[in-house]
Amino acid sequence: MRNFGGIVLVLGILAFFYASSRLDDVEPLAQGLSVSEALKQPAGRWQMARYGSAGVAGFGLLMLLFPKGR
């Protein structure tokens, strides 16, 4: 599980940086949009991809540090 955690961590970090670079290329979101309205726009989708990839990287870090649980 330690190898799996390392791979997931690296993939999450790479996906975070990729989504961040793509987020720079699109128009920023307007203020006051709900989540469902924001997901209809490209910037909202890339922002959610950033959050998701950060979550995946966090899961990979947990699997790397605690491969067998406590």
C-alpha atoms as a PDB file:
ATOM      1  CA  MET A   1       0.000   0.000   0.000  1.00  0.00           C
ATOM      2  CA  ARG A   2       2.955   2.292   0.500  1.00  0.00           C
ATOM      3  CA  ASN A   3       3.796   2.160  -3.218  1.00  0.00           C
ATOM      4  CA  PHE A   4       0.158   2.766  -4.099  1.00  0.00           C
ATOM      5  CA  GLY A   5       0.098   5.797  -1.783  1.00  0.00           C
ATOM      6  CA  GLY A   6       3.212   7.232  -3.393  1.00  0.00           C
ATOM      7  CA  ILE A   7       1.814   6.805  -6.877  1.00  0.00           C
ATOM      8  CA  VAL A   8      -1.527   8.379  -5.914  1.00  0.00           C
ATOM      9  CA  LEU A   9       0.279  11.267  -4.206  1.00  0.00           C
ATOM     10  CA  VAL A  10       2.403  12.005  -7.271  1.00  0.00           C
ATOM     11  CA  LEU A  11      -0.587  11.746  -9.623  1.00  0.00           C
ATOM     12  CA  GLY A  12      -2.622  14.064  -7.409  1.00  0.00           C
ATOM     13  CA  ILE A  13       0.154  16.658  -7.326  1.00  0.00           C
ATOM     14  CA  LEU A  14       0.634  16.500 -11.093  1.00  0.00           C
ATOM     15  CA  ALA A  15      -3.101  16.807 -11.696  1.00  0.00           C
ATOM     16  CA  PHE A  16      -3.254  19.793  -9.314  1.00  0.00           C
ATOM     17  CA  PHE A  17      -0.552  21.644 -11.225  1.00  0.00           C
ATOM     18  CA  TYR A  18      -2.128  20.746 -14.579  1.00  0.00           C
ATOM     19  CA  ALA A  19      -5.540  22.027 -13.469  1.00  0.00           C
ATOM     20  CA  SER A  20      -3.922  25.182 -12.077  1.00  0.00           C
ATOM     21  CA  SER A  21      -2.213  25.890 -15.378  1.00  0.00           C
ATOM     22  CA  ARG A  22      -5.458  25.331 -17.290  1.00  0.00           C
ATOM     23  CA  LEU A  23      -7.297  27.591 -14.836  1.00  0.00           C
ATOM     24  CA  ASP A  24      -4.972  30.451 -15.787  1.00  0.00           C
ATOM     25  CA  ASP A  25      -6.088  30.161 -19.433  1.00  0.00           C
ATOM     26  CA  VAL A  26      -9.837  30.629 -18.855  1.00  0.00           C
ATOM     27  CA  GLU A  27     -11.933  33.594 -17.765  1.00  0.00           C
ATOM     28  CA  PRO A  28     -12.367  33.969 -14.003  1.00  0.00           C
ATOM     29  CA  LEU A  29     -15.705  33.122 -12.414  1.00  0.00           C
ATOM     30  CA  ALA A  30     -18.202  35.814 -11.513  1.00  0.00           C
ATOM     31  CA  GLN A  31     -18.802  36.374  -7.811  1.00  0.00           C
ATOM     32  CA  GLY A  32     -21.905  34.963  -6.148  1.00  0.00           C
ATOM     33  CA  LEU A  33     -22.396  31.854  -8.282  1.00  0.00           C
ATOM     34  CA  SER A  34     -23.632  28.645  -6.738  1.00  0.00           C
ATOM     35  CA  VAL A  35     -21.626  25.471  -7.187  1.00  0.00           C
ATOM     36  CA  SER A  36     -23.985  24.084  -9.826  1.00  0.00           C
ATOM     37  CA  GLU A  37     -23.836  27.341 -11.800  1.00  0.00           C
ATOM     38  CA  ALA A  38     -20.045  27.474 -11.522  1.00  0.00           C
ATOM     39  CA  LEU A  39     -19.675  23.923 -12.853  1.00  0.00           C
ATOM     40  CA  LYS A  40     -21.368  24.978 -16.088  1.00  0.00           C
ATOM     41  CA  GLN A  41     -18.396  27.230 -16.876  1.00  0.00           C
ATOM     42  CA  PRO A  42     -14.870  26.064 -17.740  1.00  0.00           C
ATOM     43  CA  ALA A  43     -13.249  27.949 -14.859  1.00  0.00           C
ATOM     44  CA  GLY A  44     -15.575  26.270 -12.379  1.00  0.00           C
ATOM     45  CA  ARG A  45     -14.791  22.829 -13.732  1.00  0.00           C
ATOM     46  CA  TRP A  46     -11.035  23.426 -13.534  1.00  0.00           C
ATOM     47  CA  GLN A  47     -11.402  24.823 -10.027  1.00  0.00           C
ATOM     48  CA  MET A  48     -13.250  21.676  -8.939  1.00  0.00           C
ATOM     49  CA  ALA A  49     -10.575  19.568 -10.664  1.00  0.00           C
ATOM     50  CA  ARG A  50      -7.995  21.363  -8.528  1.00  0.00           C
ATOM     51  CA  TYR A  51      -9.914  20.609  -5.338  1.00  0.00           C
ATOM     52  CA  GLY A  52     -10.430  16.990  -6.372  1.00  0.00           C
ATOM     53  CA  SER A  53      -6.784  16.446  -7.227  1.00  0.00           C
ATOM     54  CA  ALA A  54      -5.735  18.020  -3.909  1.00  0.00           C
ATOM     55  CA  GLY A  55      -8.039  15.518  -2.190  1.00  0.00           C
ATOM     56  CA  VAL A  56      -6.502  12.647  -4.152  1.00  0.00           C
ATOM     57  CA  ALA A  57      -3.014  13.839  -3.193  1.00  0.00           C
ATOM     58  CA  GLY A  58      -4.096  14.013   0.455  1.00  0.00           C
ATOM     59  CA  PHE A  59      -5.426  10.464   0.283  1.00  0.00           C
ATOM     60  CA  GLY A  60      -2.138   9.353  -1.258  1.00  0.00           C
ATOM     61  CA  LEU A  61      -0.239  11.008   1.571  1.00  0.00           C
ATOM     62  CA  LEU A  62      -2.343   9.181   4.138  1.00  0.00           C
ATOM     63  CA  MET A  63      -1.769   5.865   2.366  1.00  0.00           C
ATOM     64  CA  LEU A  64       1.942   6.618   2.219  1.00  0.00           C
ATOM     65  CA  LEU A  65       2.217   7.441   5.931  1.00  0.00           C
ATOM     66  CA  PHE A  66      -0.216   4.832   7.297  1.00  0.00           C
ATOM     67  CA  PRO A  67      -0.219   1.911   4.850  1.00  0.00           C
ATOM     68  CA  LYS A  68      -1.693  -0.662   7.272  1.00  0.00           C
ATOM     69  CA  GLY A  69      -3.832   1.621   9.412  1.00  0.00           C
ATOM     70  CA  ARG A  70      -3.311   2.134  13.112  1.00  0.00           C
END
